[in-house]
Amino acid sequence: VVSTQSTGYTNLFEQLSIMSLRRLVVQTAPALRLMSTGTQDPIAALFAEKLAEYKKLAADQGDMVGVSEEQVVKQQAHLEKLKKMYVVQGDVQSFPNVQF
C-alpha cells in the first residue's frame, strides 16, 4: 500500500525548486527588461560611446590620442635614451622575441 502523505524529502524538494525558480527570475529579470525596453545601462552606454569616440580619434590622429608634439618629442628622446642605455637592437617598444 502506497501512502499518499508527502514525505519530508518531497517537501524539501518542492521548497528547493521554488527557491531555484525565484533565484532564476531575480537573475534574469534585468536582462529581460533590457530586451523588452531596448534601454541600456547608462554607464555601459557612456563607455560604449567613449570607446567609439576613441576609435574615431585613433584613426584620425594615429597611435597616441590627445598628445601634444612636445610630449611626442619627449617620448622619442626617452626611447633613444633607453636604446643607448640597454643597447637595444631594433624597436624599443616591441615585445622581445625569445627563442630557445
Protein backbone atom coordinates (compact mmCIF):
# COMPACT_ATOMS: atom_id res chain seq x y z
CA VAL A 1 0.00 0.00 0.00
CA VAL A 2 1.43 3.37 -1.07
CA SER A 3 0.99 6.27 1.31
CA THR A 4 -0.47 9.49 -0.11
CA GLN A 5 1.16 11.63 2.54
CA SER A 6 4.12 13.71 1.40
CA THR A 7 7.44 12.79 2.90
CA GLY A 8 9.98 15.25 4.26
CA TYR A 9 12.14 14.79 1.19
CA THR A 10 9.33 15.71 -1.18
CA ASN A 11 8.55 18.84 0.81
CA LEU A 12 12.23 19.79 0.86
CA PHE A 13 12.48 19.18 -2.89
CA GLU A 14 9.47 21.45 -3.51
CA GLN A 15 10.97 24.20 -1.36
CA LEU A 16 14.30 23.98 -3.17
CA SER A 17 12.54 24.07 -6.53
CA ILE A 18 10.63 27.19 -5.55
CA MET A 19 13.82 28.84 -4.27
CA SER A 20 15.64 27.99 -7.51
CA LEU A 21 12.79 29.38 -9.57
CA ARG A 22 12.79 32.62 -7.56
CA ARG A 23 16.56 32.97 -7.96
CA LEU A 24 16.28 32.38 -11.69
CA VAL A 25 13.60 35.06 -12.04
CA VAL A 26 15.62 37.55 -9.99
CA GLN A 27 18.77 36.94 -12.04
CA THR A 28 17.12 37.08 -15.47
CA ALA A 29 14.71 39.95 -14.81
CA PRO A 30 17.22 42.72 -15.66
CA ALA A 31 18.17 41.04 -18.93
CA LEU A 32 14.54 40.52 -19.87
CA ARG A 33 13.77 44.14 -19.02
CA LEU A 34 16.66 45.28 -21.19
CA MET A 35 15.43 43.16 -24.09
CA SER A 36 11.86 44.36 -23.77
CA THR A 37 12.54 48.08 -23.33
CA GLY A 38 15.60 48.36 -25.53
CA THR A 39 17.25 50.67 -23.00
CA GLN A 40 20.77 50.20 -21.85
CA ASP A 41 22.62 50.71 -18.62
CA PRO A 42 23.71 54.39 -18.62
CA ILE A 43 27.27 53.55 -17.55
CA ALA A 44 27.60 50.89 -20.26
CA ALA A 45 26.17 53.32 -22.83
CA LEU A 46 28.67 56.02 -21.81
CA PHE A 47 31.54 53.53 -22.00
CA ALA A 48 30.47 52.37 -25.47
CA GLU A 49 30.13 55.99 -26.63
CA LYS A 50 33.61 56.93 -25.36
CA LEU A 51 35.11 53.79 -26.91
CA ALA A 52 33.63 54.66 -30.30
CA GLU A 53 34.87 58.24 -29.93
CA TYR A 54 38.38 56.99 -29.09
CA LYS A 55 38.41 54.63 -32.08
CA LYS A 56 37.48 57.52 -34.37
CA LEU A 57 40.19 59.78 -32.88
CA ALA A 58 42.78 56.99 -33.07
CA ALA A 59 42.01 56.51 -36.76
CA ASP A 60 42.45 60.25 -37.37
CA GLN A 61 45.41 61.03 -35.08
CA GLY A 62 47.37 57.80 -35.02
CA ASP A 63 48.58 55.76 -32.07
CA MET A 64 48.55 58.36 -29.32
CA VAL A 65 45.29 60.28 -28.97
CA GLY A 66 45.31 63.77 -27.48
CA VAL A 67 49.10 64.06 -27.21
CA SER A 68 50.93 67.29 -27.99
CA GLU A 69 54.00 67.50 -30.20
CA GLU A 70 56.09 68.34 -27.14
CA GLN A 71 55.07 65.06 -25.48
CA VAL A 72 55.89 63.11 -28.64
CA VAL A 73 59.37 64.67 -28.77
CA LYS A 74 59.92 63.85 -25.08
CA GLN A 75 58.84 60.26 -25.64
CA GLN A 76 61.18 59.84 -28.61
CA ALA A 77 64.08 61.29 -26.59
CA HIS A 78 63.29 58.91 -23.72
CA LEU A 79 63.15 55.92 -26.09
CA GLU A 80 66.51 56.89 -27.60
CA LYS A 81 67.97 57.15 -24.10
CA LEU A 82 66.69 53.65 -23.26
CA LYS A 83 68.06 52.31 -26.54
CA LYS A 84 71.52 53.59 -25.72
CA MET A 85 71.38 52.58 -22.05
CA TYR A 86 70.33 48.98 -22.69
CA VAL A 87 71.95 48.58 -26.13
CA VAL A 88 68.69 47.64 -27.79
CA GLN A 89 68.73 46.42 -31.37
CA GLY A 90 65.55 47.25 -33.27
CA ASP A 91 62.33 48.60 -31.84
CA VAL A 92 62.33 49.51 -28.14
CA GLN A 93 58.55 49.29 -27.81
CA SER A 94 58.09 45.81 -29.26
CA PHE A 95 57.94 42.72 -27.09
CA PRO A 96 61.14 40.70 -27.29
CA ASN A 97 61.07 37.52 -29.33
CA VAL A 98 62.58 34.86 -27.07
CA GLN A 99 63.64 31.61 -28.73
CA PHE A 100 65.17 28.59 -27.01
